């Protein structure tokens, strides 16, 4: 359940920058002035977040490269769609 929720949050966070990229060129100066939204990259070039470990109350800190984070989000999305397809859910 937590994994599905995390996957949904990641997908929504990725959808916002894609929608901003689809705007006309007239909005480009405004978009360039706004700070880029997305995962925060630390000084080592890694994206860090806390993950809850099954069977433990203590979360662990996980740091990955931005590319690995994007790959995991894509894999989570594909797994979610596959599971929904097996259960007979239809995405609208």
PDB file of N, CA and C in Angstrom:
ATOM      1  N   UNK A   1       0.821  -1.185   0.000  1.00  0.00           N
ATOM      2  CA  UNK A   1       0.000   0.000   0.000  1.00  0.00           C
ATOM      3  C   UNK A   1       0.868   1.254   0.000  1.00  0.00           C
ATOM      4  N   UNK A   2       1.906   1.270   0.823  1.00  0.00           N
ATOM      5  CA  UNK A   2       2.797   2.421   0.892  1.00  0.00           C
ATOM      6  C   UNK A   2       3.542   2.568  -0.436  1.00  0.00           C
ATOM      7  N   UNK A   3       3.944   1.446  -1.016  1.00  0.00           N
ATOM      8  CA  UNK A   3       4.648   1.491  -2.294  1.00  0.00           C
ATOM      9  C   UNK A   3       3.777   2.065  -3.398  1.00  0.00           C
ATOM     10  N   UNK A   4       2.514   1.668  -3.427  1.00  0.00           N
ATOM     11  CA  UNK A   4       1.598   2.192  -4.439  1.00  0.00           C
ATOM     12  C   UNK A   4       1.371   3.684  -4.247  1.00  0.00           C
ATOM     13  N   UNK A   5       1.246   4.115  -2.991  1.00  0.00           N
ATOM     14  CA  UNK A   5       1.062   5.527  -2.703  1.00  0.00           C
ATOM     15  C   UNK A   5       2.294   6.317  -3.113  1.00  0.00           C
ATOM     16  N   UNK A   6       3.470   5.792  -2.802  1.00  0.00           N
ATOM     17  CA  UNK A   6       4.720   6.447  -3.175  1.00  0.00           C
ATOM     18  C   UNK A   6       4.830   6.540  -4.691  1.00  0.00           C
ATOM     19  N   UNK A   7       4.463   5.476  -5.388  1.00  0.00           N
ATOM     20  CA  UNK A   7       4.521   5.488  -6.847  1.00  0.00           C
ATOM     21  C   UNK A   7       3.584   6.538  -7.422  1.00  0.00           C
ATOM     22  N   UNK A   8       2.393   6.667  -6.849  1.00  0.00           N
ATOM     23  CA  UNK A   8       1.439   7.658  -7.331  1.00  0.00           C
ATOM     24  C   UNK A   8       1.962   9.076  -7.105  1.00  0.00           C
ATOM     25  N   UNK A   9       2.591   9.313  -5.963  1.00  0.00           N
ATOM     26  CA  UNK A   9       3.143  10.635  -5.667  1.00  0.00           C
ATOM     27  C   UNK A   9       4.268  10.974  -6.637  1.00  0.00           C
ATOM     28  N   UNK A  10       5.124  10.000  -6.898  1.00  0.00           N
ATOM     29  CA  UNK A  10       6.235  10.224  -7.825  1.00  0.00           C
ATOM     30  C   UNK A  10       5.703  10.519  -9.220  1.00  0.00           C
ATOM     31  N   UNK A  11       4.681   9.789  -9.646  1.00  0.00           N
ATOM     32  CA  UNK A  11       4.115  10.012 -10.974  1.00  0.00           C
ATOM     33  C   UNK A  11       3.493  11.386 -11.086  1.00  0.00           C
ATOM     34  N   UNK A  12       2.801  11.818 -10.052  1.00  0.00           N
ATOM     35  CA  UNK A  12       2.205  13.152 -10.080  1.00  0.00           C
ATOM     36  C   UNK A  12       3.276  14.229 -10.097  1.00  0.00           C
ATOM     37  N   UNK A  13       4.355  14.010  -9.377  1.00  0.00           N
ATOM     38  CA  UNK A  13       5.442  14.986  -9.349  1.00  0.00           C
ATOM     39  C   UNK A  13       6.121  15.073 -10.706  1.00  0.00           C
ATOM     40  N   UNK A  14       6.210  13.966 -11.418  1.00  0.00           N
ATOM     41  CA  UNK A  14       6.827  13.973 -12.735  1.00  0.00           C
ATOM     42  C   UNK A  14       5.902  14.556 -13.787  1.00  0.00           C
ATOM     43  N   UNK A  15       4.604  14.466 -13.594  1.00  0.00           N
ATOM     44  CA  UNK A  15       3.648  14.963 -14.579  1.00  0.00           C
ATOM     45  C   UNK A  15       3.648  16.488 -14.629  1.00  0.00           C
ATOM     46  N   UNK A  16       3.892  17.161 -13.517  1.00  0.00           N
ATOM     47  CA  UNK A  16       3.873  18.623 -13.485  1.00  0.00           C
ATOM     48  C   UNK A  16       4.951  19.235 -14.373  1.00  0.00           C
ATOM     49  N   UNK A  17       6.215  18.801 -14.332  1.00  0.00           N
ATOM     50  CA  UNK A  17       7.213  19.386 -15.237  1.00  0.00           C
ATOM     51  C   UNK A  17       6.905  19.082 -16.704  1.00  0.00           C
ATOM     52  N   UNK A  18       6.327  17.935 -17.002  1.00  0.00           N
ATOM     53  CA  UNK A  18       5.993  17.601 -18.381  1.00  0.00           C
ATOM     54  C   UNK A  18       4.907  18.531 -18.898  1.00  0.00           C
ATOM     55  N   UNK A  19       3.946  18.871 -18.066  1.00  0.00           N
ATOM     56  CA  UNK A  19       2.891  19.785 -18.479  1.00  0.00           C
ATOM     57  C   UNK A  19       3.459  21.178 -18.701  1.00  0.00           C
ATOM     58  N   UNK A  20       4.409  21.590 -17.897  1.00  0.00           N
ATOM     59  CA  UNK A  20       5.016  22.907 -18.064  1.00  0.00           C
ATOM     60  C   UNK A  20       5.829  22.972 -19.351  1.00  0.00           C
ATOM     61  N   UNK A  21       6.431  21.880 -19.771  1.00  0.00           N
ATOM     62  CA  UNK A  21       7.223  21.850 -20.994  1.00  0.00           C
ATOM     63  C   UNK A  21       6.344  21.951 -22.228  1.00  0.00           C
ATOM     64  N   UNK A  22       5.066  21.585 -22.116  1.00  0.00           N
ATOM     65  CA  UNK A  22       4.165  21.597 -23.256  1.00  0.00           C
ATOM     66  C   UNK A  22       3.542  22.971 -23.491  1.00  0.00           C
ATOM     67  N   UNK A  23       3.874  23.972 -22.686  1.00  0.00           N
ATOM     68  CA  UNK A  23       3.294  25.300 -22.843  1.00  0.00           C
ATOM     69  C   UNK A  23       3.917  25.995 -24.043  1.00  0.00           C
ATOM     70  N   UNK A  24       3.230  26.994 -24.609  1.00  0.00           N
ATOM     71  CA  UNK A  24       3.775  27.717 -25.768  1.00  0.00           C
ATOM     72  C   UNK A  24       5.043  28.491 -25.401  1.00  0.00           C
ATOM     73  N   UNK A  25       5.756  28.958 -26.432  1.00  0.00           N
ATOM     74  CA  UNK A  25       7.014  29.676 -26.221  1.00  0.00           C
ATOM     75  C   UNK A  25       6.825  31.007 -25.514  1.00  0.00           C
ATOM     76  N   UNK A  26       5.631  31.577 -25.556  1.00  0.00           N
ATOM     77  CA  UNK A  26       5.382  32.848 -24.885  1.00  0.00           C
ATOM     78  C   UNK A  26       5.561  32.718 -23.376  1.00  0.00           C
ATOM     79  N   UNK A  27       5.330  31.533 -22.836  1.00  0.00           N
ATOM     80  CA  UNK A  27       5.472  31.320 -21.399  1.00  0.00           C
ATOM     81  C   UNK A  27       6.893  30.903 -21.026  1.00  0.00           C
ATOM     82  N   UNK A  28       7.771  30.728 -21.988  1.00  0.00           N
ATOM     83  CA  UNK A  28       9.127  30.261 -21.716  1.00  0.00           C
ATOM     84  C   UNK A  28       9.900  31.194 -20.791  1.00  0.00           C
ATOM     85  N   UNK A  29       9.841  32.526 -20.960  1.00  0.00           N
ATOM     86  CA  UNK A  29      10.577  33.388 -20.028  1.00  0.00           C
ATOM     87  C   UNK A  29      10.078  33.249 -18.593  1.00  0.00           C
ATOM     88  N   UNK A  30       8.802  33.039 -18.402  1.00  0.00           N
ATOM     89  CA  UNK A  30       8.254  32.870 -17.062  1.00  0.00           C
ATOM     90  C   UNK A  30       8.755  31.553 -16.475  1.00  0.00           C
ATOM     91  N   UNK A  31       8.752  30.493 -17.283  1.00  0.00           N
ATOM     92  CA  UNK A  31       9.194  29.184 -16.805  1.00  0.00           C
ATOM     93  C   UNK A  31      10.686  29.202 -16.486  1.00  0.00           C
ATOM     94  N   UNK A  32      11.463  29.973 -17.249  1.00  0.00           N
ATOM     95  CA  UNK A  32      12.898  30.033 -17.008  1.00  0.00           C
ATOM     96  C   UNK A  32      13.200  30.776 -15.709  1.00  0.00           C
ATOM     97  N   UNK A  33      12.363  31.735 -15.338  1.00  0.00           N
ATOM     98  CA  UNK A  33      12.606  32.506 -14.129  1.00  0.00           C
ATOM     99  C   UNK A  33      12.233  31.720 -12.877  1.00  0.00           C
ATOM    100  N   UNK A  34      11.275  30.782 -13.010  1.00  0.00           N
ATOM    101  CA  UNK A  34      10.837  29.995 -11.862  1.00  0.00           C
ATOM    102  C   UNK A  34      11.867  28.909 -11.568  1.00  0.00           C
ATOM    103  N   UNK A  35      12.088  28.602 -10.293  1.00  0.00           N
ATOM    104  CA  UNK A  35      13.023  27.529  -9.966  1.00  0.00           C
ATOM    105  C   UNK A  35      12.475  26.189 -10.436  1.00  0.00           C
ATOM    106  N   UNK A  36      13.359  25.324 -10.853  1.00  0.00           N
ATOM    107  CA  UNK A  36      12.958  24.017 -11.367  1.00  0.00           C
ATOM    108  C   UNK A  36      12.399  23.168 -10.231  1.00  0.00           C
ATOM    109  N   UNK A  37      11.217  22.618 -10.457  1.00  0.00           N
ATOM    110  CA  UNK A  37      10.619  21.737  -9.463  1.00  0.00           C
ATOM    111  C   UNK A  37      11.011  20.308  -9.791  1.00  0.00           C
ATOM    112  N   UNK A  38      11.138  19.516  -8.781  1.00  0.00           N
ATOM    113  CA  UNK A  38      11.516  18.131  -8.959  1.00  0.00           C
ATOM    114  C   UNK A  38      12.284  17.670  -7.743  1.00  0.00           C
ATOM    115  N   UNK A  39      12.900  16.515  -7.859  1.00  0.00           N
ATOM    116  CA  UNK A  39      13.636  16.009  -6.711  1.00  0.00           C
ATOM    117  C   UNK A  39      14.840  16.894  -6.389  1.00  0.00           C
ATOM    118  N   UNK A  40      15.095  17.055  -5.108  1.00  0.00           N
ATOM    119  CA  UNK A  40      16.241  17.858  -4.684  1.00  0.00           C
ATOM    120  C   UNK A  40      17.505  17.021  -4.804  1.00  0.00           C
ATOM    121  N   UNK A  41      18.471  17.542  -5.510  1.00  0.00           N
ATOM    122  CA  UNK A  41      19.738  16.858  -5.722  1.00  0.00           C
ATOM    123  C   UNK A  41      20.752  17.449  -4.762  1.00  0.00           C
ATOM    124  N   UNK A  42      21.431  16.578  -3.991  1.00  0.00           N
ATOM    125  CA  UNK A  42      22.410  17.087  -3.037  1.00  0.00           C
ATOM    126  C   UNK A  42      23.741  17.385  -3.726  1.00  0.00           C
ATOM    127  N   UNK A  43      24.734  17.789  -2.964  1.00  0.00           N
ATOM    128  CA  UNK A  43      26.015  18.207  -3.547  1.00  0.00           C
ATOM    129  C   UNK A  43      26.744  17.063  -4.247  1.00  0.00           C
ATOM    130  N   UNK A  44      26.420  15.817  -3.911  1.00  0.00           N
ATOM    131  CA  UNK A  44      27.038  14.670  -4.566  1.00  0.00           C
ATOM    132  C   UNK A  44      26.288  14.242  -5.820  1.00  0.00           C
ATOM    133  N   UNK A  45      25.207  14.946  -6.152  1.00  0.00           N
ATOM    134  CA  UNK A  45      24.423  14.610  -7.335  1.00  0.00           C
ATOM    135  C   UNK A  45      23.441  13.484  -7.095  1.00  0.00           C
ATOM    136  N   UNK A  46      23.065  13.250  -5.838  1.00  0.00           N
ATOM    137  CA  UNK A  46      22.150  12.169  -5.502  1.00  0.00           C
ATOM    138  C   UNK A  46      20.824  12.719  -4.997  1.00  0.00           C
ATOM    139  N   UNK A  47      19.756  11.948  -5.226  1.00  0.00           N
ATOM    140  CA  UNK A  47      18.430  12.269  -4.715  1.00  0.00           C
ATOM    141  C   UNK A  47      18.210  11.364  -3.514  1.00  0.00           C
ATOM    142  N   UNK A  48      17.950  11.945  -2.345  1.00  0.00           N
ATOM    143  CA  UNK A  48      17.788  11.161  -1.124  1.00  0.00           C
ATOM    144  C   UNK A  48      16.362  11.282  -0.595  1.00  0.00           C
ATOM    145  N   UNK A  49      15.868  10.189  -0.036  1.00  0.00           N
ATOM    146  CA  UNK A  49      14.558  10.179   0.607  1.00  0.00           C
ATOM    147  C   UNK A  49      14.539   9.065   1.643  1.00  0.00           C
ATOM    148  N   UNK A  50      13.567   9.113   2.539  1.00  0.00           N
ATOM    149  CA  UNK A  50      13.423   8.083   3.564  1.00  0.00           C
ATOM    150  C   UNK A  50      12.414   7.050   3.095  1.00  0.00           C
ATOM    151  N   UNK A  51      12.714   5.781   3.332  1.00  0.00           N
ATOM    152  CA  UNK A  51      11.800   4.695   2.999  1.00  0.00           C
ATOM    153  C   UNK A  51      11.497   3.908   4.259  1.00  0.00           C
ATOM    154  N   UNK A  52      10.243   3.549   4.416  1.00  0.00           N
ATOM    155  CA  UNK A  52       9.822   2.737   5.550  1.00  0.00           C
ATOM    156  C   UNK A  52      10.151   1.276   5.246  1.00  0.00           C
ATOM    157  N   UNK A  53      10.841   0.614   6.149  1.00  0.00           N
ATOM    158  CA  UNK A  53      11.206  -0.782   5.988  1.00  0.00           C
ATOM    159  C   UNK A  53      10.123  -1.642   6.620  1.00  0.00           C
ATOM    160  N   UNK A  54       9.685  -2.655   5.896  1.00  0.00           N
ATOM    161  CA  UNK A  54       8.652  -3.550   6.404  1.00  0.00           C
ATOM    162  C   UNK A  54       9.145  -4.249   7.663  1.00  0.00           C
ATOM    163  N   UNK A  55       8.379  -4.160   8.744  1.00  0.00           N
ATOM    164  CA  UNK A  55       8.738  -4.795   9.998  1.00  0.00           C
ATOM    165  C   UNK A  55       9.579  -3.920  10.913  1.00  0.00           C
ATOM    166  N   UNK A  56       9.783  -2.657  10.541  1.00  0.00           N
ATOM    167  CA  UNK A  56      10.594  -1.764  11.352  1.00  0.00           C
ATOM    168  C   UNK A  56       9.914  -0.404  11.447  1.00  0.00           C
ATOM    169  N   UNK A  57      10.088   0.246  12.575  1.00  0.00           N
ATOM    170  CA  UNK A  57       9.553   1.590  12.738  1.00  0.00           C
ATOM    171  C   UNK A  57      10.564   2.653  12.330  1.00  0.00           C
ATOM    172  N   UNK A  58      11.780   2.238  12.109  1.00  0.00           N
ATOM    173  CA  UNK A  58      12.849   3.174  11.789  1.00  0.00           C
ATOM    174  C   UNK A  58      13.022   3.238  10.270  1.00  0.00           C
ATOM    175  N   UNK A  59      12.750   4.392   9.666  1.00  0.00           N
ATOM    176  CA  UNK A  59      12.934   4.503   8.218  1.00  0.00           C
ATOM    177  C   UNK A  59      14.419   4.530   7.864  1.00  0.00           C
ATOM    178  N   UNK A  60      14.731   4.083   6.666  1.00  0.00           N
ATOM    179  CA  UNK A  60      16.107   4.135   6.192  1.00  0.00           C
ATOM    180  C   UNK A  60      16.219   5.218   5.132  1.00  0.00           C
ATOM    181  N   UNK A  61      17.366   5.837   5.072  1.00  0.00           N
ATOM    182  CA  UNK A  61      17.609   6.891   4.084  1.00  0.00           C
ATOM    183  C   UNK A  61      18.219   6.245   2.849  1.00  0.00           C
ATOM    184  N   UNK A  62      17.590   6.484   1.706  1.00  0.00           N
ATOM    185  CA  UNK A  62      18.032   5.908   0.441  1.00  0.00           C
ATOM    186  C   UNK A  62      18.436   7.038  -0.485  1.00  0.00           C
ATOM    187  N   UNK A  63      19.636   6.944  -1.050  1.00  0.00           N
ATOM    188  CA  UNK A  63      20.122   7.948  -1.987  1.00  0.00           C
ATOM    189  C   UNK A  63      20.445   7.278  -3.320  1.00  0.00           C
ATOM    190  N   UNK A  64      19.906   7.827  -4.399  1.00  0.00           N
ATOM    191  CA  UNK A  64      20.138   7.286  -5.737  1.00  0.00           C
ATOM    192  C   UNK A  64      20.393   8.444  -6.695  1.00  0.00           C
ATOM    193  N   UNK A  65      20.907   8.120  -7.872  1.00  0.00           N
ATOM    194  CA  UNK A  65      21.102   9.145  -8.888  1.00  0.00           C
ATOM    195  C   UNK A  65      19.746   9.553  -9.456  1.00  0.00           C
ATOM    196  N   UNK A  66      19.640  10.754 -10.011  1.00  0.00           N
ATOM    197  CA  UNK A  66      18.367  11.168 -10.605  1.00  0.00           C
ATOM    198  C   UNK A  66      17.887  10.195 -11.690  1.00  0.00           C
ATOM    199  N   UNK A  67      18.796   9.649 -12.482  1.00  0.00           N
ATOM    200  CA  UNK A  67      18.416   8.698 -13.527  1.00  0.00           C
ATOM    201  C   UNK A  67      17.855   7.421 -12.909  1.00  0.00           C
ATOM    202  N   UNK A  68      18.475   6.923 -11.841  1.00  0.00           N
ATOM    203  CA  UNK A  68      17.963   5.727 -11.174  1.00  0.00           C
ATOM    204  C   UNK A  68      16.587   5.987 -10.562  1.00  0.00           C
ATOM    205  N   UNK A  69      16.386   7.194 -10.023  1.00  0.00           N
ATOM    206  CA  UNK A  69      15.081   7.552  -9.452  1.00  0.00           C
ATOM    207  C   UNK A  69      14.017   7.577 -10.547  1.00  0.00           C
ATOM    208  N   UNK A  70      14.350   8.117 -11.713  1.00  0.00           N
ATOM    209  CA  UNK A  70      13.402   8.150 -12.829  1.00  0.00           C
ATOM    210  C   UNK A  70      13.116   6.740 -13.335  1.00  0.00           C
ATOM    211  N   UNK A  71      14.150   5.902 -13.406  1.00  0.00           N
ATOM    212  CA  UNK A  71      13.952   4.514 -13.839  1.00  0.00           C
ATOM    213  C   UNK A  71      13.047   3.766 -12.870  1.00  0.00           C
ATOM    214  N   UNK A  72      13.249   3.996 -11.571  1.00  0.00           N
ATOM    215  CA  UNK A  72      12.416   3.316 -10.574  1.00  0.00           C
ATOM    216  C   UNK A  72      10.964   3.794 -10.660  1.00  0.00           C
ATOM    217  N   UNK A  73      10.772   5.086 -10.877  1.00  0.00           N
ATOM    218  CA  UNK A  73       9.416   5.619 -11.008  1.00  0.00           C
ATOM    219  C   UNK A  73       8.716   5.012 -12.223  1.00  0.00           C
ATOM    220  N   UNK A  74       9.452   4.880 -13.329  1.00  0.00           N
ATOM    221  CA  UNK A  74       8.875   4.271 -14.530  1.00  0.00           C
ATOM    222  C   UNK A  74       8.532   2.799 -14.271  1.00  0.00           C
ATOM    223  N   UNK A  75       9.422   2.091 -13.596  1.00  0.00           N
ATOM    224  CA  UNK A  75       9.177   0.676 -13.282  1.00  0.00           C
ATOM    225  C   UNK A  75       7.983   0.539 -12.342  1.00  0.00           C
ATOM    226  N   UNK A  76       7.878   1.427 -11.342  1.00  0.00           N
ATOM    227  CA  UNK A  76       6.734   1.402 -10.430  1.00  0.00           C
ATOM    228  C   UNK A  76       5.432   1.645 -11.187  1.00  0.00           C
ATOM    229  N   UNK A  77       5.456   2.568 -12.137  1.00  0.00           N
ATOM    230  CA  UNK A  77       4.266   2.864 -12.933  1.00  0.00           C
ATOM    231  C   UNK A  77       3.857   1.635 -13.747  1.00  0.00           C
ATOM    232  N   UNK A  78       4.830   0.988 -14.372  1.00  0.00           N
ATOM    233  CA  UNK A  78       4.520  -0.202 -15.173  1.00  0.00           C
ATOM    234  C   UNK A  78       3.981  -1.326 -14.290  1.00  0.00           C
ATOM    235  N   UNK A  79       4.552  -1.510 -13.104  1.00  0.00           N
ATOM    236  CA  UNK A  79       4.076  -2.545 -12.189  1.00  0.00           C
ATOM    237  C   UNK A  79       2.659  -2.253 -11.719  1.00  0.00           C
ATOM    238  N   UNK A  80       2.366  -0.986 -11.429  1.00  0.00           N
ATOM    239  CA  UNK A  80       1.031  -0.601 -10.994  1.00  0.00           C
ATOM    240  C   UNK A  80       0.006  -0.870 -12.096  1.00  0.00           C
ATOM    241  N   UNK A  81       0.335  -0.486 -13.326  1.00  0.00           N
ATOM    242  CA  UNK A  81      -0.577  -0.734 -14.444  1.00  0.00           C
ATOM    243  C   UNK A  81      -0.777  -2.233 -14.672  1.00  0.00           C
ATOM    244  N   UNK A  82       0.302  -3.007 -14.528  1.00  0.00           N
ATOM    245  CA  UNK A  82       0.197  -4.460 -14.706  1.00  0.00           C
ATOM    246  C   UNK A  82      -0.702  -5.067 -13.635  1.00  0.00           C
ATOM    247  N   UNK A  83      -0.536  -4.634 -12.376  1.00  0.00           N
ATOM    248  CA  UNK A  83      -1.366  -5.169 -11.296  1.00  0.00           C
ATOM    249  C   UNK A  83      -2.826  -4.773 -11.463  1.00  0.00           C
ATOM    250  N   UNK A  84      -3.072  -3.536 -11.892  1.00  0.00           N
ATOM    251  CA  UNK A  84      -4.449  -3.102 -12.097  1.00  0.00           C
ATOM    252  C   UNK A  84      -5.088  -3.880 -13.246  1.00  0.00           C
ATOM    253  N   UNK A  85      -4.304  -4.187 -14.264  1.00  0.00           N
ATOM    254  CA  UNK A  85      -4.830  -4.963 -15.383  1.00  0.00           C
ATOM    255  C   UNK A  85      -5.187  -6.385 -14.959  1.00  0.00           C
ATOM    256  N   UNK A  86      -4.414  -6.970 -14.061  1.00  0.00           N
ATOM    257  CA  UNK A  86      -4.690  -8.324 -13.590  1.00  0.00           C
ATOM    258  C   UNK A  86      -5.934  -8.363 -12.703  1.00  0.00           C
ATOM    259  N   UNK A  87      -6.210  -7.237 -12.037  1.00  0.00           N
ATOM    260  CA  UNK A  87      -7.345  -7.204 -11.126  1.00  0.00           C
ATOM    261  C   UNK A  87      -8.632  -6.759 -11.828  1.00  0.00           C
ATOM    262  N   UNK A  88      -8.549  -6.390 -13.095  1.00  0.00           N
ATOM    263  CA  UNK A  88      -9.717  -6.013 -13.845  1.00  0.00           C
ATOM    264  C   UNK A  88     -10.091  -4.557 -13.745  1.00  0.00           C
ATOM    265  N   UNK A  89      -9.235  -3.705 -13.182  1.00  0.00           N
ATOM    266  CA  UNK A  89      -9.505  -2.267 -13.108  1.00  0.00           C
ATOM    267  C   UNK A  89      -9.250  -1.636 -14.456  1.00  0.00           C
ATOM    268  N   UNK A  90      -9.989  -0.619 -14.756  1.00  0.00           N
ATOM    269  CA  UNK A  90      -9.799   0.134 -15.999  1.00  0.00           C
ATOM    270  C   UNK A  90      -9.414   1.561 -15.650  1.00  0.00           C
ATOM    271  N   UNK A  91      -8.351   2.051 -16.259  1.00  0.00           N
ATOM    272  CA  UNK A  91      -7.944   3.436 -16.037  1.00  0.00           C
ATOM    273  C   UNK A  91      -8.782   4.332 -16.931  1.00  0.00           C
ATOM    274  N   UNK A  92      -9.295   5.404 -16.372  1.00  0.00           N
ATOM    275  CA  UNK A  92     -10.123   6.342 -17.165  1.00  0.00           C
ATOM    276  C   UNK A  92      -9.318   7.479 -17.640  1.00  0.00           C
TER     277      UNK A  92
END
